[in-house]
């Protein structure tokens, strides 16, 4: 069948958003390895996650700088509109200048079933490892990407690419609560662990 012009345009747009998410994940992976960010790296090691598993799950770090990832992605040719659409940056009501949505968080890229990065989950560092809170503000322990053209939270599972391969080898599928639980199961030899992205388990996920 002949593709309609809007379908071709949609496919191009999705391709560039997938590229943007992959480039964002690469940058966050690099941040975790910088000497300046040794605290979140050590935190992951203390949680029992070795380097090979950090690499396998592409775990990274989003620094405090509100503009760092925006500048990096802009340098690669991405526009603010694309970054906003992908959920990497948000617009500010005060200054109107886009800023990084994820800051001071260990980052877990979320791949779709084909292994393409479509979203992120960010875990704040424990209280004793980060600067004191400003005023009464208490950050959420985890925040996830909002829904985007690539990502619908209720229809995806974290760990799906690994779990699909495990299922093909007749290994059991195990549903756990969160990112680090999937990784702990993976380390223990249970490659079929998956986790819902948020508190509710949807019918699609089941």
Protein backbone atom coordinates (compact mmCIF):
# COMPACT_ATOMS: atom_id res chain seq x y z
CA UNK A 1 0.00 0.00 0.00
CA UNK A 2 1.10 3.54 -0.74
CA UNK A 3 1.99 5.57 2.36
CA UNK A 4 0.13 8.80 2.89
CA UNK A 5 2.36 11.92 3.25
CA UNK A 6 1.32 12.28 6.91
CA UNK A 7 2.38 8.67 7.61
CA UNK A 8 5.81 9.31 6.07
CA UNK A 9 6.16 12.50 8.13
CA UNK A 10 5.11 10.65 11.32
CA UNK A 11 7.69 7.89 10.68
CA UNK A 12 10.46 10.48 10.17
CA UNK A 13 9.46 12.30 13.34
CA UNK A 14 9.42 9.09 15.40
CA UNK A 15 12.80 8.10 14.01
CA UNK A 16 14.35 11.37 15.11
CA UNK A 17 12.70 11.12 18.55
CA UNK A 18 14.12 7.60 18.98
CA UNK A 19 17.54 9.02 18.03
CA UNK A 20 17.09 11.85 20.53
CA UNK A 21 16.23 9.42 23.35
CA UNK A 22 19.22 7.23 22.54
CA UNK A 23 21.55 10.25 22.51
CA UNK A 24 20.08 11.41 25.83
CA UNK A 25 20.68 7.95 27.32
CA UNK A 26 24.30 7.92 26.08
CA UNK A 27 24.93 11.33 27.65
CA UNK A 28 23.46 10.21 31.00
CA UNK A 29 25.59 7.05 30.92
CA UNK A 30 28.67 9.24 30.45
CA UNK A 31 27.63 11.49 33.36
CA UNK A 32 27.55 8.51 35.75
CA UNK A 33 31.20 7.77 34.91
CA UNK A 34 32.51 11.31 35.50
CA UNK A 35 34.65 11.85 38.63
CA UNK A 36 32.37 14.76 39.56
CA UNK A 37 29.47 12.30 39.85
CA UNK A 38 31.21 9.59 41.85
CA UNK A 39 28.54 9.72 44.60
CA UNK A 40 25.68 8.34 42.44
CA UNK A 41 28.08 5.83 40.86
CA UNK A 42 29.16 4.58 44.30
CA UNK A 43 25.52 4.46 45.36
CA UNK A 44 24.76 2.04 42.51
CA UNK A 45 27.78 -0.08 43.42
CA UNK A 46 26.65 -0.15 47.06
CA UNK A 47 23.23 -1.35 45.88
CA UNK A 48 25.05 -4.36 44.47
CA UNK A 49 25.00 -3.35 40.80
CA UNK A 50 28.34 -4.17 39.10
CA UNK A 51 29.73 -2.36 36.06
CA UNK A 52 28.61 -4.95 33.53
CA UNK A 53 24.99 -4.73 34.74
CA UNK A 54 25.14 -0.92 34.83
CA UNK A 55 26.22 -1.12 31.17
CA UNK A 56 23.65 -3.78 30.25
CA UNK A 57 20.76 -1.67 31.59
CA UNK A 58 22.39 1.59 30.42
CA UNK A 59 22.04 3.18 33.86
CA UNK A 60 23.08 6.84 33.94
CA UNK A 61 22.88 10.04 35.95
CA UNK A 62 21.11 13.37 35.43
CA UNK A 63 23.14 16.16 37.08
CA UNK A 64 21.72 19.16 38.93
CA UNK A 65 22.43 21.59 36.06
CA UNK A 66 19.04 22.55 34.57
CA UNK A 67 20.51 23.31 31.15
CA UNK A 68 23.26 20.70 30.66
CA UNK A 69 21.34 18.08 28.69
CA UNK A 70 19.48 20.74 26.71
CA UNK A 71 22.78 22.26 25.58
CA UNK A 72 24.21 18.84 24.73
CA UNK A 73 21.23 17.78 22.62
CA UNK A 74 21.04 21.19 20.94
CA UNK A 75 24.70 20.72 19.98
CA UNK A 76 23.67 17.47 18.24
CA UNK A 77 21.04 19.34 16.21
CA UNK A 78 17.86 18.66 18.19
CA UNK A 79 15.35 21.45 18.76
CA UNK A 80 13.70 22.50 22.02
CA UNK A 81 10.36 21.37 20.52
CA UNK A 82 11.72 17.84 20.01
CA UNK A 83 13.18 17.71 23.53
CA UNK A 84 9.84 18.85 24.97
CA UNK A 85 7.92 16.32 22.88
CA UNK A 86 10.24 13.55 24.10
CA UNK A 87 9.78 14.64 27.73
CA UNK A 88 13.48 15.40 28.26
CA UNK A 89 12.91 19.08 29.02
CA UNK A 90 9.91 21.03 30.31
CA UNK A 91 8.90 24.63 29.81
CA UNK A 92 9.11 27.01 32.74
CA UNK A 93 6.08 29.13 33.66
CA UNK A 94 8.37 31.77 35.12
CA UNK A 95 11.21 32.27 32.64
CA UNK A 96 9.65 30.45 29.64
CA UNK A 97 13.08 28.88 29.14
CA UNK A 98 12.99 25.06 28.84
CA UNK A 99 14.81 23.16 31.61
CA UNK A 100 15.79 19.54 32.30
CA UNK A 101 12.92 17.46 33.68
CA UNK A 102 15.28 14.98 35.40
CA UNK A 103 17.88 16.45 37.79
CA UNK A 104 20.07 14.94 40.54
CA UNK A 105 18.74 11.46 39.83
CA UNK A 106 20.12 8.04 38.95
CA UNK A 107 18.56 7.34 35.55
CA UNK A 108 17.06 4.10 34.27
CA UNK A 109 16.36 4.19 30.52
CA UNK A 110 13.17 2.35 29.58
CA UNK A 111 13.43 0.36 26.32
CA UNK A 112 10.48 -0.80 24.27
CA UNK A 113 10.21 -4.47 23.25
CA UNK A 114 12.58 -3.82 20.35
CA UNK A 115 15.19 -2.35 22.71
CA UNK A 116 14.75 1.29 21.65
CA UNK A 117 14.86 3.82 24.51
CA UNK A 118 11.46 5.49 24.79
CA UNK A 119 11.39 6.85 28.35
CA UNK A 120 13.32 7.24 31.61
CA UNK A 121 12.79 6.63 35.28
CA UNK A 122 14.81 8.70 37.73
CA UNK A 123 15.59 7.82 41.35
CA UNK A 124 16.58 10.57 43.73
CA UNK A 125 19.68 9.85 45.82
CA UNK A 126 19.09 9.00 49.51
CA UNK A 127 18.99 12.00 51.85
CA UNK A 128 22.48 11.42 53.26
CA UNK A 129 24.05 11.48 49.78
CA UNK A 130 22.66 14.75 48.46
CA UNK A 131 22.51 18.41 49.39
CA UNK A 132 19.88 19.39 52.00
CA UNK A 133 16.41 20.12 50.61
CA UNK A 134 15.57 23.69 49.84
CA UNK A 135 12.83 24.79 52.22
CA UNK A 136 9.87 22.43 52.57
CA UNK A 137 10.38 20.81 49.16
CA UNK A 138 10.70 17.02 49.32
CA UNK A 139 11.43 15.38 45.96
CA UNK A 140 9.57 12.23 44.94
CA UNK A 141 11.69 9.09 45.31
CA UNK A 142 11.01 8.15 41.67
CA UNK A 143 9.73 10.12 38.72
CA UNK A 144 8.98 8.69 35.28
CA UNK A 145 8.72 10.22 31.84
CA UNK A 146 5.27 11.50 30.98
CA UNK A 147 3.43 9.94 28.04
CA UNK A 148 4.91 10.91 24.67
CA UNK A 149 4.46 9.83 21.04
CA UNK A 150 6.92 6.98 21.81
CA UNK A 151 5.83 6.04 25.33
CA UNK A 152 2.55 5.10 26.99
CA UNK A 153 3.17 4.21 30.60
CA UNK A 154 0.21 1.86 30.99
CA UNK A 155 1.18 -0.26 28.00
CA UNK A 156 4.83 -0.99 28.75
CA UNK A 157 6.96 -2.97 31.17
CA UNK A 158 10.49 -2.26 32.34
CA UNK A 159 12.85 -5.08 31.41
CA UNK A 160 10.75 -6.27 28.47
CA UNK A 161 13.58 -6.90 25.94
CA UNK A 162 15.47 -9.16 28.38
CA UNK A 163 12.25 -10.87 29.45
CA UNK A 164 11.17 -11.62 25.88
CA UNK A 165 14.47 -13.41 25.26
CA UNK A 166 14.11 -15.30 28.54
CA UNK A 167 10.54 -16.34 27.68
CA UNK A 168 11.73 -17.67 24.32
CA UNK A 169 14.04 -19.98 26.32
CA UNK A 170 11.13 -21.13 28.53
CA UNK A 171 12.31 -19.17 31.57
CA UNK A 172 9.59 -17.88 33.92
CA UNK A 173 8.25 -14.32 33.78
CA UNK A 174 8.37 -12.66 37.19
CA UNK A 175 6.55 -9.38 37.90
CA UNK A 176 8.33 -7.21 40.48
CA UNK A 177 7.81 -3.68 41.76
CA UNK A 178 10.53 -1.49 40.31
CA UNK A 179 13.72 -0.94 38.35
CA UNK A 180 16.19 -2.16 40.96
CA UNK A 181 14.08 -5.26 41.61
CA UNK A 182 14.28 -6.20 37.92
CA UNK A 183 18.03 -5.67 38.03
CA UNK A 184 18.41 -7.73 41.23
CA UNK A 185 16.51 -10.63 39.62
CA UNK A 186 18.64 -10.31 36.48
CA UNK A 187 21.80 -10.55 38.57
CA UNK A 188 20.44 -13.63 40.36
CA UNK A 189 19.87 -15.38 37.03
CA UNK A 190 16.16 -14.63 36.56
CA UNK A 191 16.21 -12.85 33.20
CA UNK A 192 12.42 -12.81 32.88
CA UNK A 193 11.75 -10.12 35.50
CA UNK A 194 9.61 -7.14 34.49
CA UNK A 195 8.15 -4.19 36.39
CA UNK A 196 5.19 -1.87 35.71
CA UNK A 197 6.07 1.81 35.33
CA UNK A 198 4.22 3.35 38.22
CA UNK A 199 1.92 2.09 40.95
CA UNK A 200 -0.96 0.65 38.94
CA UNK A 201 -0.73 -2.59 36.99
CA UNK A 202 -2.84 -2.28 33.85
CA UNK A 203 -4.62 -4.94 31.82
CA UNK A 204 -2.28 -4.22 28.88
CA UNK A 205 0.75 -4.86 31.08
CA UNK A 206 -0.70 -8.15 32.36
